[in-house]
Protein backbone atom coordinates (compact mmCIF):
# COMPACT_ATOMS: atom_id res chain seq x y z
CA MET A 1 -0.77 -36.11 -29.50
CA GLY A 2 0.08 -34.25 -26.34
CA ASP A 3 -1.20 -34.71 -22.82
CA THR A 4 -4.00 -32.76 -21.15
CA TRP A 5 -3.20 -31.16 -17.77
CA ILE A 6 -5.93 -29.95 -15.42
CA VAL A 7 -4.18 -28.34 -12.47
CA ASP A 8 -4.95 -26.10 -9.52
CA ILE A 9 -1.90 -23.90 -9.03
CA THR A 10 -2.55 -23.64 -5.27
CA HIS A 11 -1.75 -27.36 -4.96
CA TYR A 12 1.88 -26.44 -5.64
CA LEU A 13 2.01 -23.91 -2.82
CA LEU A 14 2.71 -24.39 0.87
CA PRO A 15 0.91 -22.36 3.58
CA GLY A 16 1.62 -18.67 3.10
CA GLY A 17 1.82 -19.08 -0.67
CA ILE A 18 5.37 -20.46 -0.61
CA LEU A 19 6.32 -22.49 -3.68
CA VAL A 20 7.12 -26.16 -3.10
CA GLY A 21 10.58 -27.45 -3.97
CA GLY A 22 11.93 -30.30 -6.06
CA PRO A 23 10.40 -31.57 -9.32
CA ALA A 24 6.94 -30.31 -8.31
CA GLY A 25 8.39 -26.82 -7.91
CA ARG A 26 9.89 -26.94 -11.41
CA ILE A 27 6.53 -27.92 -12.89
CA ALA A 28 4.86 -25.15 -10.87
CA ARG A 29 7.27 -22.56 -12.30
CA TYR A 30 6.39 -23.81 -15.78
CA PHE A 31 2.67 -23.38 -15.15
CA GLY A 32 3.42 -20.06 -13.44
CA SER A 33 5.15 -18.78 -16.56
CA ILE A 34 2.04 -19.69 -18.54
CA ILE A 35 -0.12 -17.77 -16.05
CA ALA A 36 2.18 -14.75 -16.28
CA ALA A 37 2.03 -14.74 -20.08
CA ALA A 38 -1.75 -15.10 -20.22
CA SER A 39 -2.49 -12.59 -17.46
CA THR A 40 -0.62 -9.79 -19.21
CA ARG A 41 -3.10 -10.02 -22.11
CA PRO A 42 -6.78 -9.03 -22.02
CA ALA A 43 -9.22 -11.84 -21.36
CA GLY A 44 -10.06 -13.78 -24.52
CA VAL A 45 -6.86 -12.82 -26.35
CA TRP A 46 -4.34 -15.55 -27.09
CA ALA A 47 -0.77 -14.92 -25.91
CA ASP A 48 1.93 -16.35 -28.18
CA THR A 49 4.77 -16.89 -25.71
CA ASP A 50 8.43 -17.73 -26.13
CA LEU A 51 8.05 -20.45 -23.49
CA HIS A 52 9.30 -23.78 -24.82
CA CYS A 53 7.17 -26.90 -24.51
CA ARG A 54 8.38 -29.30 -21.81
CA ARG A 55 7.56 -32.50 -23.69
CA ARG A 56 10.21 -34.69 -25.29
CA PRO A 57 8.40 -36.90 -27.85
CA GLY A 58 10.73 -39.63 -29.04
CA ARG A 59 13.23 -38.36 -26.42
CA ARG A 60 13.78 -35.22 -28.46
CA PRO A 61 12.81 -31.71 -27.34
CA CYS A 62 9.49 -30.59 -28.74
CA PRO A 63 10.08 -27.59 -31.06
CA GLY A 64 6.79 -25.97 -30.08
CA HIS A 65 6.04 -22.90 -27.98
CA ILE A 66 3.17 -22.34 -25.58
CA ARG A 67 0.07 -20.32 -26.45
CA ALA A 68 -2.08 -19.20 -23.51
CA LEU A 69 -5.52 -17.66 -23.04
CA ARG A 70 -7.33 -16.09 -20.08
CA LEU A 71 -10.93 -17.26 -19.69
CA ASP A 72 -12.19 -15.03 -16.90
CA ALA A 73 -15.76 -16.36 -17.02
CA GLN A 74 -14.47 -19.84 -16.12
CA ASP A 75 -11.63 -18.44 -13.96
CA VAL A 76 -9.02 -20.55 -15.76
CA VAL A 77 -6.02 -20.15 -18.02
CA LYS A 78 -6.17 -22.34 -21.11
CA TRP A 79 -2.98 -23.29 -22.93
CA HIS A 80 -1.56 -25.57 -25.60
CA CYS A 81 1.68 -26.28 -27.43
CA SER A 82 1.93 -25.01 -31.00
CA SER A 83 3.52 -28.28 -32.15
CA CYS A 84 2.66 -31.38 -30.14
CA ASP A 85 -0.72 -30.12 -28.84
CA ASP A 86 0.18 -30.68 -25.20
CA ASN A 87 -2.56 -28.68 -23.49
CA GLY A 88 -4.34 -27.92 -20.26
CA LEU A 89 -6.30 -25.70 -17.92
CA ILE A 90 -4.84 -23.91 -14.88
CA GLN A 91 -7.27 -23.09 -12.08
CA SER A 92 -7.00 -20.71 -9.08
CA TRP A 93 -4.46 -18.51 -10.84
CA LYS A 94 -5.93 -15.17 -9.77
CA GLY A 95 -4.07 -13.61 -6.87
CA SER A 96 -1.12 -15.95 -7.23
CA MET A 97 2.43 -14.61 -7.43
CA TRP A 98 2.28 -15.08 -11.22
CA ASP A 99 -0.94 -13.10 -11.69
CA LEU A 100 0.01 -9.97 -13.63
CA SER A 101 -3.54 -9.02 -14.61
CA GLN A 102 -3.96 -6.19 -12.15
CA PRO A 103 -2.40 -2.88 -13.22
CA ILE A 104 0.15 -1.49 -10.80
CA PRO A 105 -0.40 2.21 -9.89
CA ASP A 106 2.24 4.54 -11.26
CA GLU A 107 3.46 5.46 -7.78
CA GLN A 108 4.36 1.80 -7.20
CA ALA A 109 6.30 1.43 -10.42
CA PRO A 110 10.03 1.00 -9.64
CA PRO A 111 12.51 3.65 -10.79
CA PRO A 112 15.15 2.78 -13.39
CA ASP A 113 17.32 0.03 -11.95
CA ARG A 114 21.05 0.69 -11.90
CA ARG A 115 21.71 -3.04 -11.69
CA ALA A 116 21.04 -3.17 -15.43
CA LEU A 117 24.31 -1.26 -15.92
CA GLU A 118 26.20 -4.38 -14.82
CA ARG A 119 25.56 -5.91 -18.24
CA THR A 120 28.48 -3.93 -19.73
CA ILE A 121 30.79 -4.98 -16.88
CA SER A 122 29.74 -8.59 -17.35
CA ASP A 123 30.32 -8.46 -21.12
CA LEU A 124 33.70 -6.81 -20.64
CA THR A 125 34.75 -9.41 -18.05
CA ARG A 126 33.90 -12.25 -20.42
CA HIS A 127 35.67 -10.53 -23.32
CA LEU A 128 38.92 -10.00 -21.40
CA ALA A 129 38.92 -13.28 -19.45
CA ASP A 130 40.88 -15.34 -21.99
CA ARG A 131 43.13 -12.58 -23.27
CA GLN A 132 46.76 -12.06 -22.31
CA PHE A 133 48.23 -8.56 -22.23
CA GLY A 134 51.96 -7.93 -22.14
CA SER A 135 51.61 -4.44 -20.68
CA PHE A 136 49.13 -1.85 -19.51
CA ASP A 137 49.59 -0.12 -22.85
CA GLU A 138 48.22 -3.19 -24.64
CA LEU A 139 45.27 -3.31 -22.23
CA ASN A 140 44.57 0.39 -22.72
CA ALA A 141 44.74 -0.03 -26.51
CA CYS A 142 42.21 -2.86 -26.29
CA MET A 143 39.89 -0.70 -24.19
CA ARG A 144 40.18 2.18 -26.68
CA ASP A 145 39.27 -0.18 -29.52
CA LEU A 146 36.20 -1.35 -27.62
CA THR A 147 35.17 2.25 -26.93
CA THR A 148 35.40 3.29 -30.58
CA SER A 149 33.83 0.08 -31.93
CA GLY A 150 30.53 0.80 -30.22
CA GLY A 151 30.39 -2.05 -27.71
CA VAL A 152 31.84 -5.25 -26.32
CA PRO A 153 31.63 -8.18 -28.78
CA ARG A 154 30.34 -11.59 -27.75
CA ASP A 155 33.34 -13.84 -28.42
CA ARG A 156 31.77 -17.15 -27.45
CA PRO A 157 28.36 -18.73 -26.93
CA LEU A 158 26.85 -17.90 -23.57
CA THR A 159 26.19 -20.54 -20.94
CA PRO A 160 22.58 -21.05 -19.77
CA VAL A 161 23.29 -19.07 -16.59
CA GLU A 162 24.76 -16.20 -18.62
CA ARG A 163 21.79 -16.19 -21.00
CA ALA A 164 19.40 -16.16 -18.05
CA GLN A 165 21.34 -13.30 -16.45
CA ASP A 166 21.06 -11.33 -19.70
CA ILE A 167 17.28 -11.75 -19.51
CA VAL A 168 17.32 -10.37 -15.96
CA TYR A 169 19.36 -7.39 -17.20
CA ASP A 170 16.61 -6.88 -19.78
CA ALA A 171 14.04 -7.03 -16.98
CA TRP A 172 15.85 -4.39 -14.95
CA ASP A 173 15.91 -2.19 -18.04
CA VAL A 174 12.12 -2.02 -18.45
CA GLU A 175 9.70 0.08 -16.42
CA ASP A 176 6.61 -2.15 -16.45
CA PRO A 177 6.75 -4.26 -13.24
CA ARG A 178 4.61 -6.97 -14.83
CA GLU A 179 7.05 -7.30 -17.72
CA ARG A 180 9.93 -7.49 -15.26
CA VAL A 181 8.28 -10.40 -13.49
CA ARG A 182 7.53 -12.13 -16.79
CA LEU A 183 11.16 -11.84 -17.83
CA ALA A 184 12.37 -13.16 -14.47
CA LEU A 185 10.20 -16.24 -14.92
CA LYS A 186 11.56 -16.62 -18.44
CA ALA A 187 15.11 -16.44 -17.07
CA LEU A 188 14.40 -19.33 -14.71
CA GLU A 189 13.15 -21.39 -17.62
CA VAL A 190 16.51 -20.82 -19.30
CA SER A 191 18.47 -21.63 -16.13
CA PRO A 192 17.20 -22.42 -12.61
CA ASP A 193 20.65 -21.31 -11.36
CA CYS A 194 19.96 -17.62 -12.06
CA ALA A 195 20.03 -16.10 -8.56
CA ASP A 196 19.01 -12.61 -9.70
CA ALA A 197 15.76 -13.94 -11.18
CA TYR A 198 14.75 -15.09 -7.70
CA VAL A 199 15.83 -11.72 -6.29
CA LEU A 200 13.60 -9.87 -8.75
CA LEU A 201 10.64 -12.15 -8.00
CA ALA A 202 11.15 -11.72 -4.25
CA GLU A 203 11.21 -7.95 -4.65
CA GLU A 204 8.28 -7.57 -7.03
CA ALA A 205 6.11 -10.70 -7.05
CA ALA A 206 6.14 -12.04 -3.48
CA ARG A 207 2.80 -11.51 -1.72
CA SER A 208 4.13 -12.15 1.79
CA LEU A 209 7.37 -12.26 3.76
CA GLY A 210 7.12 -16.05 3.67
CA GLN A 211 7.07 -16.04 -0.12
CA ALA A 212 9.96 -13.59 -0.23
CA LEU A 213 11.96 -15.76 2.16
CA SER A 214 11.40 -18.84 0.01
CA LEU A 215 12.47 -16.99 -3.14
CA TYR A 216 15.60 -15.54 -1.54
CA GLU A 217 16.54 -18.99 -0.19
CA ARG A 218 16.22 -20.40 -3.68
CA GLY A 219 18.27 -17.49 -5.00
CA VAL A 220 21.10 -18.20 -2.56
CA ALA A 221 21.04 -21.90 -3.47
CA ALA A 222 21.03 -20.99 -7.18
CA GLY A 223 24.00 -18.70 -6.69
CA GLU A 224 25.91 -21.42 -4.87
CA ARG A 225 25.29 -23.85 -7.73
CA ALA A 226 26.27 -21.30 -10.37
CA LEU A 227 29.54 -20.36 -8.64
CA GLY A 228 30.52 -23.86 -7.50
CA LYS A 229 31.96 -24.99 -4.18
CA ARG A 230 35.49 -23.82 -4.94
CA ALA A 231 34.38 -20.18 -5.07
CA PHE A 232 33.62 -20.34 -1.33
CA GLU A 233 37.00 -21.76 -0.38
CA ASP A 234 39.98 -19.65 0.66
CA GLU A 235 41.76 -20.29 -2.63
CA GLY A 236 38.62 -19.37 -4.53
CA TYR A 237 36.79 -16.04 -4.47
CA VAL A 238 36.72 -15.49 -0.69
CA GLY A 239 37.73 -11.93 0.05
CA HIS A 240 36.92 -10.81 -3.48
CA PHE A 241 33.17 -11.35 -3.74
CA TRP A 242 31.34 -8.51 -5.50
CA GLY A 243 34.58 -7.45 -7.17
CA ILE A 244 34.05 -10.55 -9.34
CA VAL A 245 30.87 -9.68 -11.19
CA GLU A 246 29.61 -13.28 -11.31
CA THR A 247 29.31 -13.27 -7.51
CA ARG A 248 26.96 -10.28 -7.35
CA PRO A 249 23.68 -12.16 -7.92
CA TYR A 250 24.55 -14.47 -5.02
CA MET A 251 25.41 -11.53 -2.76
CA ARG A 252 22.16 -9.76 -3.63
CA ALA A 253 20.17 -12.89 -2.85
CA ARG A 254 21.94 -13.39 0.45
CA ARG A 255 21.39 -9.77 1.48
CA GLY A 256 17.69 -10.12 0.69
CA LEU A 257 17.55 -13.36 2.66
CA ALA A 258 19.17 -11.79 5.71
CA MET A 259 16.91 -8.74 5.65
CA THR A 260 13.80 -10.91 5.31
CA LEU A 261 14.91 -13.13 8.19
CA TRP A 262 15.29 -10.00 10.31
CA GLN A 263 11.78 -8.84 9.40
CA LEU A 264 10.43 -12.26 10.37
CA GLY A 265 12.04 -12.00 13.79
CA ARG A 266 14.80 -14.52 13.06
CA LYS A 267 17.39 -11.93 13.96
CA GLU A 268 20.28 -14.12 15.08
CA GLU A 269 20.16 -15.96 11.74
CA ALA A 270 20.20 -12.63 9.91
CA VAL A 271 23.28 -11.52 11.85
CA GLU A 272 25.16 -14.70 10.89
CA HIS A 273 24.41 -14.06 7.22
CA TYR A 274 25.67 -10.47 7.49
CA ARG A 275 28.89 -11.59 9.18
CA GLU A 276 29.52 -14.24 6.53
CA MET A 277 28.92 -11.68 3.76
CA LEU A 278 31.64 -9.47 5.23
CA ARG A 279 33.99 -12.46 5.29
CA LEU A 280 33.31 -13.08 1.62
CA ASN A 281 33.50 -9.39 0.71
CA PRO A 282 35.50 -7.39 3.28
CA ASN A 283 35.48 -4.43 0.87
CA ASP A 284 31.76 -4.28 1.71
CA ASN A 285 30.46 -2.73 -1.50
CA GLN A 286 26.89 -3.34 -0.27
CA GLY A 287 27.26 -1.43 3.02
CA ILE A 288 26.53 -4.56 5.07
CA ARG A 289 28.67 -3.37 7.99
CA TYR A 290 26.23 -0.57 8.78
CA VAL A 291 23.27 -2.95 8.78
CA LEU A 292 25.21 -5.38 10.96
CA LEU A 293 26.22 -2.62 13.37
CA ALA A 294 22.60 -1.55 13.85
CA ALA A 295 21.54 -5.19 14.29
CA LEU A 296 24.20 -5.91 16.92
CA LEU A 297 23.32 -2.77 18.85
CA GLU A 298 19.62 -3.61 18.79
CA LEU A 299 20.35 -7.15 20.00
CA ASP A 300 22.58 -5.78 22.77
CA ALA A 301 25.37 -8.00 21.48
CA LYS A 302 28.51 -8.70 23.46
CA PRO A 303 31.03 -5.84 23.26
CA ASP A 304 33.61 -8.21 21.77
CA LEU A 305 31.44 -8.70 18.66
CA LEU A 306 31.11 -4.96 18.18
CA LYS A 307 34.80 -4.32 18.77
CA GLU A 308 35.66 -7.03 16.26
CA LEU A 309 33.45 -5.31 13.68
CA PHE A 310 34.96 -1.87 14.35
CA GLU A 311 38.47 -3.27 14.00
CA LEU A 312 37.68 -4.44 10.47
CA TYR A 313 37.10 -0.83 9.35
CA PRO A 314 39.17 1.40 11.67
CA ASP A 315 39.23 4.38 9.30
CA ASP A 316 35.50 4.51 8.55
CA ALA A 317 34.36 8.10 9.17
CA MET A 318 30.65 7.69 8.38
CA ALA A 319 28.33 9.11 11.03
CA ASP A 320 26.74 5.70 11.67
CA TRP A 321 30.16 4.28 12.43
CA LEU A 322 31.38 7.10 14.66
CA TYR A 323 28.22 7.25 16.74
CA GLY A 324 28.24 3.48 16.99
CA ARG A 325 31.76 3.55 18.37
CA ALA A 326 30.78 6.25 20.86
CA LEU A 327 27.71 4.27 21.93
CA LEU A 328 29.79 1.15 22.44
CA ALA A 329 32.26 3.10 24.57
CA PHE A 330 29.40 4.52 26.63
CA ARG A 331 27.78 1.11 27.07
CA ASP A 332 31.16 -0.36 27.92
CA GLY A 333 31.32 1.78 31.04
CA GLY A 334 33.35 4.63 29.63
CA GLY A 335 36.56 2.65 29.85
CA HIS A 336 36.98 1.98 26.16
CA PRO A 337 40.16 3.74 24.99
CA GLY A 338 38.40 4.98 21.87
CA LEU A 339 35.72 6.94 23.76
CA PRO A 340 37.27 10.44 23.75
CA GLU A 341 38.34 10.25 20.12
CA ALA A 342 35.04 8.68 19.02
CA ALA A 343 33.11 11.35 20.86
CA ARG A 344 35.19 14.16 19.42
CA ARG A 345 34.90 12.82 15.87
CA GLY A 346 31.15 12.39 16.33
CA GLU A 347 30.81 16.00 17.50
CA ALA A 348 32.96 17.21 14.63
CA GLY A 349 30.67 15.44 12.15
């Protein structure tokens, strides 16, 4: 026989609706996934989920899956395991970040997400990782074979993080925002180290900036665990982040964290995150330098910080960059040697 759980989901939330951490947070995500599954179905209709039971009778994983039911009259979600009969009632679920019962107007539905296209890059990276090519001709022949064969084969079993990331790719490939959130929660059940699942929840399920901040923080921590400490050392991935596809979830989470900190008025912290992101990825595929430039100008930062940033990208001809250089020269008293050229290039643009 299973246990009976009677829980109030708000007891797992801090002020502002922020999810608690630690073991209690893991249990809360489990109950949240049950809420998400039940709230996507009409009231009174059982949802047969693919959520695995958490119990381990006899120290072995329970083979059952969770079934869930909305009971709107009692304002609870009822659930039970299909095998061990673990069961319970979840109260105060309406309005929580897992509540997917309210339809989202069409104008709020997100457009197709290009991040889903990374799945092919990820599959290709895994496929080529353990292969040795004697020449570019051999590599090109391999790529031609993959093109004509209709896709990249899966050569080995996926790790939990990779399986969770695949679920997030599935989420980015669907249009229904509620289904995207459900899949993100499912990904975290597969692996709590899936940074992109937290990113998706922060973007589409957070009900406040505080909730978004908490989710992005968890995403950054998840990305750090998934990549390992060595990735952040000079002999690791430093200088090549984003170019290595496994680092992209972490970089997305950190960008979201920095932007949310800025919105909350914690602007100096946001600037430090932006600067560190450029150290990790000087190629700046995310366009962080433009956000950092605007932030430094708004904070009236010391000229040395701005000059240091401009020196990292001396050939950048974007309008933001050119006008930023001209503004710095103007604010610097007109004595900056780049003022005439910056002004001329700005006028020419």
